[in-house]
Amino acid sequence: MDDFFSRSEALLGAEAMKTLRTKRVIIFGVGGVGSWCAEALVRTGLTHLTIVDGDTVQPSNINRQLPATRATLGMPKVEALKERLLSINPDAEIEAVAEFYHDDDENLKSKILHHQYLIDAIDSVDDKVHLILYASRVRGMKVFSSMGAALRFDPTQVTTGELMTIQGDALAKAVRARMKKIGLHLNKKIRCVYSTEQAQRCETRGSLMQVTATFGLTLASLVIRDLTSQAKL
């Protein structure tokens, strides 16, 4: 498989590639954002990945979600994505968990502890808040989170920022408000991907692949860049 990752190694270096092969990443939510993040990580050389999502592929997913095709309609998203990721690297260890995260799910909380990186790409505000809060208390874990990717047209306005200081993003505002309401705080800073573009008005939460995929690829980039800096220590 080494030749398949020669272009990654040419840019990142041999030590970074070794680090990629040893670290474990868990992604919550593999829809329009998380699915692209997963593929970017595996294509770069990551070999230990857990994907968590309790949803199935629906017709409305086809416009933006990586595993969504007419052939995968009705399949659990994590199973459709696992199949694709293994077609890229059959040697990868991909664990597919067909569940939604809830704060009282001790099994998923225990699973989180076996990873060094957590990607939050879920939509439910309450579940997102509890996931981020829990992950922020796991020693040594890096947490990256996706804010609102829907209702935007322009991928060039996607950027990153710290959760507590992001302005102009309704989801980030709702997450902070919910944390304040329940009286809990983060134990570490959380780097987020968000858009500076003003959300469009839409009767349903319309979204486009060019934006959601950019969110996912940016999340993957945060992981890769952090891993690369570790490899150089």
Protein backbone atom coordinates (compact mmCIF):
# COMPACT_ATOMS: atom_id res chain seq x y z
CA MET A 1 0.00 0.00 0.00
CA ASP A 2 3.02 2.29 0.35
CA ASP A 3 2.87 3.46 -3.27
CA PHE A 4 -0.73 4.57 -2.77
CA PHE A 5 0.40 7.08 -0.14
CA SER A 6 3.65 8.19 -1.77
CA ARG A 7 2.24 11.64 -2.59
CA SER A 8 1.09 12.10 1.00
CA GLU A 9 4.52 11.08 2.30
CA ALA A 10 6.28 13.34 -0.18
CA LEU A 11 4.57 16.33 1.43
CA LEU A 12 4.13 15.24 5.04
CA GLY A 13 7.28 13.19 5.56
CA ALA A 14 7.89 9.62 6.74
CA GLU A 15 7.51 10.37 10.45
CA ALA A 16 4.13 12.00 9.94
CA MET A 17 2.96 8.98 7.94
CA LYS A 18 4.03 6.67 10.77
CA THR A 19 2.05 8.83 13.19
CA LEU A 20 -0.97 8.66 10.89
CA ARG A 21 -0.82 4.88 10.96
CA THR A 22 -0.81 4.72 14.76
CA LYS A 23 -3.34 7.37 15.83
CA ARG A 24 -7.06 6.72 16.20
CA VAL A 25 -9.80 9.12 15.11
CA ILE A 26 -13.51 8.89 15.89
CA ILE A 27 -16.06 10.85 13.85
CA PHE A 28 -19.58 11.51 15.08
CA GLY A 29 -21.92 12.17 12.17
CA VAL A 30 -21.03 11.03 8.64
CA GLY A 31 -23.42 13.12 6.59
CA GLY A 32 -22.56 16.08 4.38
CA VAL A 33 -19.59 17.08 6.55
CA GLY A 34 -18.33 14.01 8.37
CA SER A 35 -18.30 11.68 5.37
CA TRP A 36 -15.88 13.92 3.45
CA CYS A 37 -13.70 14.26 6.52
CA ALA A 38 -13.51 10.47 6.82
CA GLU A 39 -12.51 9.96 3.20
CA ALA A 40 -9.86 12.68 3.32
CA LEU A 41 -8.27 11.10 6.40
CA VAL A 42 -8.19 7.61 4.89
CA ARG A 43 -6.89 8.83 1.53
CA THR A 44 -4.10 10.69 3.34
CA GLY A 45 -2.99 7.56 5.19
CA LEU A 46 -4.96 7.25 8.44
CA THR A 47 -5.62 3.56 9.17
CA HIS A 48 -7.64 3.53 12.44
CA LEU A 49 -11.02 5.22 12.13
CA THR A 50 -14.34 4.86 13.96
CA ILE A 51 -17.45 6.32 12.35
CA VAL A 52 -20.63 6.85 14.37
CA ASP A 53 -24.05 7.67 12.92
CA GLY A 54 -27.45 6.05 13.45
CA ASP A 55 -29.02 7.32 10.23
CA THR A 56 -29.69 5.57 6.92
CA VAL A 57 -29.07 6.90 3.41
CA GLN A 58 -32.06 8.89 2.14
CA PRO A 59 -32.79 10.36 -1.34
CA SER A 60 -32.33 13.88 0.02
CA ASN A 61 -28.74 12.98 1.01
CA ILE A 62 -27.56 12.36 -2.55
CA ASN A 63 -26.87 16.02 -3.34
CA ARG A 64 -24.07 16.34 -0.76
CA GLN A 65 -23.20 13.20 1.25
CA LEU A 66 -20.30 11.03 0.13
CA PRO A 67 -21.80 7.54 0.70
CA ALA A 68 -25.21 8.51 -0.68
CA THR A 69 -26.00 7.10 -4.12
CA ARG A 70 -29.05 5.39 -5.61
CA ALA A 71 -27.31 2.08 -4.92
CA THR A 72 -26.95 2.77 -1.18
CA LEU A 73 -30.46 4.09 -0.45
CA GLY A 74 -31.75 2.61 2.80
CA MET A 75 -28.34 1.39 3.97
CA PRO A 76 -26.93 2.54 7.30
CA LYS A 77 -24.69 5.48 6.45
CA VAL A 78 -21.78 4.07 8.42
CA GLU A 79 -21.93 0.77 6.55
CA ALA A 80 -22.09 2.45 3.13
CA LEU A 81 -19.17 4.69 4.08
CA LYS A 82 -17.14 1.83 5.56
CA GLU A 83 -17.50 -0.10 2.31
CA ARG A 84 -16.21 2.86 0.34
CA LEU A 85 -13.32 3.56 2.70
CA LEU A 86 -12.17 -0.06 2.57
CA SER A 87 -12.27 0.10 -1.22
CA ILE A 88 -9.69 2.89 -0.90
CA ASN A 89 -7.52 1.11 1.67
CA PRO A 90 -8.45 -2.54 2.40
CA ASP A 91 -5.84 -2.59 5.18
CA ALA A 92 -7.54 0.17 7.15
CA GLU A 93 -9.37 -0.66 10.38
CA ILE A 94 -12.77 0.99 10.03
CA GLU A 95 -15.25 0.50 12.86
CA ALA A 96 -18.83 1.39 11.91
CA VAL A 97 -21.19 2.18 14.79
CA ALA A 98 -24.81 2.60 13.68
CA GLU A 99 -25.91 4.67 16.66
CA PHE A 100 -26.68 8.28 17.52
CA TYR A 101 -24.70 9.86 20.37
CA HIS A 102 -26.64 10.56 23.56
CA ASP A 103 -25.26 11.75 26.87
CA ASP A 104 -26.40 8.60 28.68
CA ASP A 105 -24.69 6.22 26.24
CA GLU A 106 -21.89 4.85 28.40
CA ASN A 107 -20.81 2.41 25.68
CA LEU A 108 -19.99 5.22 23.24
CA LYS A 109 -18.37 7.27 25.98
CA SER A 110 -16.10 4.33 26.77
CA LYS A 111 -15.28 3.92 23.08
CA ILE A 112 -14.23 7.59 22.84
CA LEU A 113 -11.48 6.96 25.39
CA HIS A 114 -9.60 4.72 22.93
CA HIS A 115 -9.06 7.56 20.42
CA GLN A 116 -6.71 10.51 20.27
CA TYR A 117 -8.89 12.69 18.02
CA LEU A 118 -12.62 13.32 18.01
CA ILE A 119 -14.51 14.99 15.16
CA ASP A 120 -17.96 16.34 15.96
CA ALA A 121 -20.15 16.66 12.87
CA ILE A 122 -23.60 16.17 14.40
CA ASP A 123 -26.57 18.54 14.12
CA SER A 124 -28.54 18.10 17.34
CA VAL A 125 -27.62 20.99 19.63
CA ASP A 126 -28.15 19.10 22.89
CA ASP A 127 -26.19 16.05 21.74
CA LYS A 128 -23.45 18.22 20.25
CA VAL A 129 -23.08 20.13 23.52
CA HIS A 130 -22.85 16.99 25.65
CA LEU A 131 -20.43 15.34 23.21
CA ILE A 132 -18.11 18.35 23.15
CA LEU A 133 -18.27 18.75 26.92
CA TYR A 134 -17.46 15.08 27.52
CA ALA A 135 -14.65 15.00 24.96
CA SER A 136 -13.12 18.19 26.38
CA ARG A 137 -12.58 16.32 29.64
CA VAL A 138 -10.71 13.40 28.07
CA ARG A 139 -7.03 13.90 28.82
CA GLY A 140 -4.84 14.11 25.74
CA MET A 141 -7.74 14.15 23.27
CA LYS A 142 -7.94 16.75 20.49
CA VAL A 143 -11.47 17.80 19.59
CA PHE A 144 -12.55 19.52 16.37
CA SER A 145 -16.15 20.50 15.71
CA SER A 146 -18.30 21.54 12.76
CA MET A 147 -20.65 24.46 13.10
CA GLY A 148 -23.43 25.34 10.63
CA ALA A 149 -22.76 24.31 7.02
CA ALA A 150 -26.37 24.54 5.81
CA LEU A 151 -27.92 27.60 4.12
CA ARG A 152 -24.61 28.72 2.58
CA PHE A 153 -23.45 29.02 -1.04
CA ASP A 154 -19.82 30.12 -0.87
CA PRO A 155 -17.09 27.62 0.14
CA THR A 156 -14.44 30.37 0.07
CA GLN A 157 -15.93 31.78 3.28
CA VAL A 158 -15.31 28.59 5.27
CA THR A 159 -12.72 29.14 8.00
CA THR A 160 -11.78 28.04 11.52
CA GLY A 161 -12.06 29.61 14.94
CA GLU A 162 -12.34 28.87 18.65
CA LEU A 163 -15.85 27.91 19.75
CA MET A 164 -16.23 30.55 22.46
CA THR A 165 -15.23 33.44 20.19
CA ILE A 166 -16.94 32.60 16.86
CA GLN A 167 -19.29 35.34 15.69
CA GLY A 168 -22.10 35.18 13.12
CA ASP A 169 -22.77 31.45 13.37
CA ALA A 170 -26.17 30.52 14.82
CA LEU A 171 -25.12 27.00 15.79
CA ALA A 172 -22.07 28.19 17.72
CA LYS A 173 -24.27 30.72 19.50
CA ALA A 174 -26.83 28.03 20.36
CA VAL A 175 -24.10 25.69 21.67
CA ARG A 176 -22.71 28.40 23.94
CA ALA A 177 -26.18 29.32 25.18
CA ARG A 178 -26.96 25.70 25.97
CA MET A 179 -23.70 25.29 27.90
CA LYS A 180 -24.49 28.39 29.91
CA LYS A 181 -28.03 27.17 30.63
CA ILE A 182 -26.89 23.82 32.01
CA GLY A 183 -24.04 25.46 33.90
CA LEU A 184 -21.19 23.47 32.39
CA HIS A 185 -17.99 24.69 30.79
CA LEU A 186 -15.29 23.34 28.50
CA ASN A 187 -12.05 21.99 29.93
CA LYS A 188 -10.12 22.94 26.80
CA LYS A 189 -10.47 25.17 23.77
CA ILE A 190 -12.37 23.62 20.87
CA ARG A 191 -11.29 24.49 17.32
CA CYS A 192 -14.28 24.70 14.99
CA VAL A 193 -14.96 24.94 11.28
CA TYR A 194 -17.57 27.54 10.39
CA SER A 195 -18.57 29.96 7.66
CA THR A 196 -18.45 33.75 7.77
CA GLU A 197 -21.15 33.85 5.09
CA GLN A 198 -24.54 35.05 6.28
CA ALA A 199 -27.03 32.18 6.32
CA GLN A 200 -29.61 32.32 3.54
CA ARG A 201 -33.36 32.24 4.12
CA CYS A 202 -34.85 28.88 3.19
CA GLU A 203 -38.05 27.04 4.15
CA THR A 204 -36.06 23.84 4.66
CA ARG A 205 -32.42 23.59 5.70
CA GLY A 206 -31.01 23.55 2.19
CA SER A 207 -27.34 22.71 1.78
CA LEU A 208 -24.83 22.19 -1.00
CA MET A 209 -21.97 19.74 -1.39
CA GLN A 210 -19.39 22.38 -2.26
CA VAL A 211 -19.88 23.91 1.19
CA THR A 212 -20.45 20.81 3.33
CA ALA A 213 -17.52 19.01 1.70
CA THR A 214 -15.29 22.02 2.36
CA PHE A 215 -16.26 21.83 6.03
CA GLY A 216 -15.35 18.14 6.10
CA LEU A 217 -12.06 18.56 4.27
CA THR A 218 -11.12 21.43 6.60
CA LEU A 219 -11.79 19.24 9.63
CA ALA A 220 -9.54 16.56 8.15
CA SER A 221 -6.89 19.20 7.55
CA LEU A 222 -6.97 20.21 11.22
CA VAL A 223 -6.26 16.61 12.22
CA ILE A 224 -3.50 16.14 9.63
CA ARG A 225 -1.81 19.41 10.51
CA ASP A 226 -1.87 18.56 14.21
CA LEU A 227 -0.48 15.09 13.54
CA THR A 228 2.24 16.57 11.36
CA SER A 229 3.29 18.98 14.12
CA GLN A 230 3.43 16.06 16.58
CA ALA A 231 5.63 14.06 14.22
CA LYS A 232 8.14 16.90 14.15
CA LEU A 233 8.42 17.17 17.96
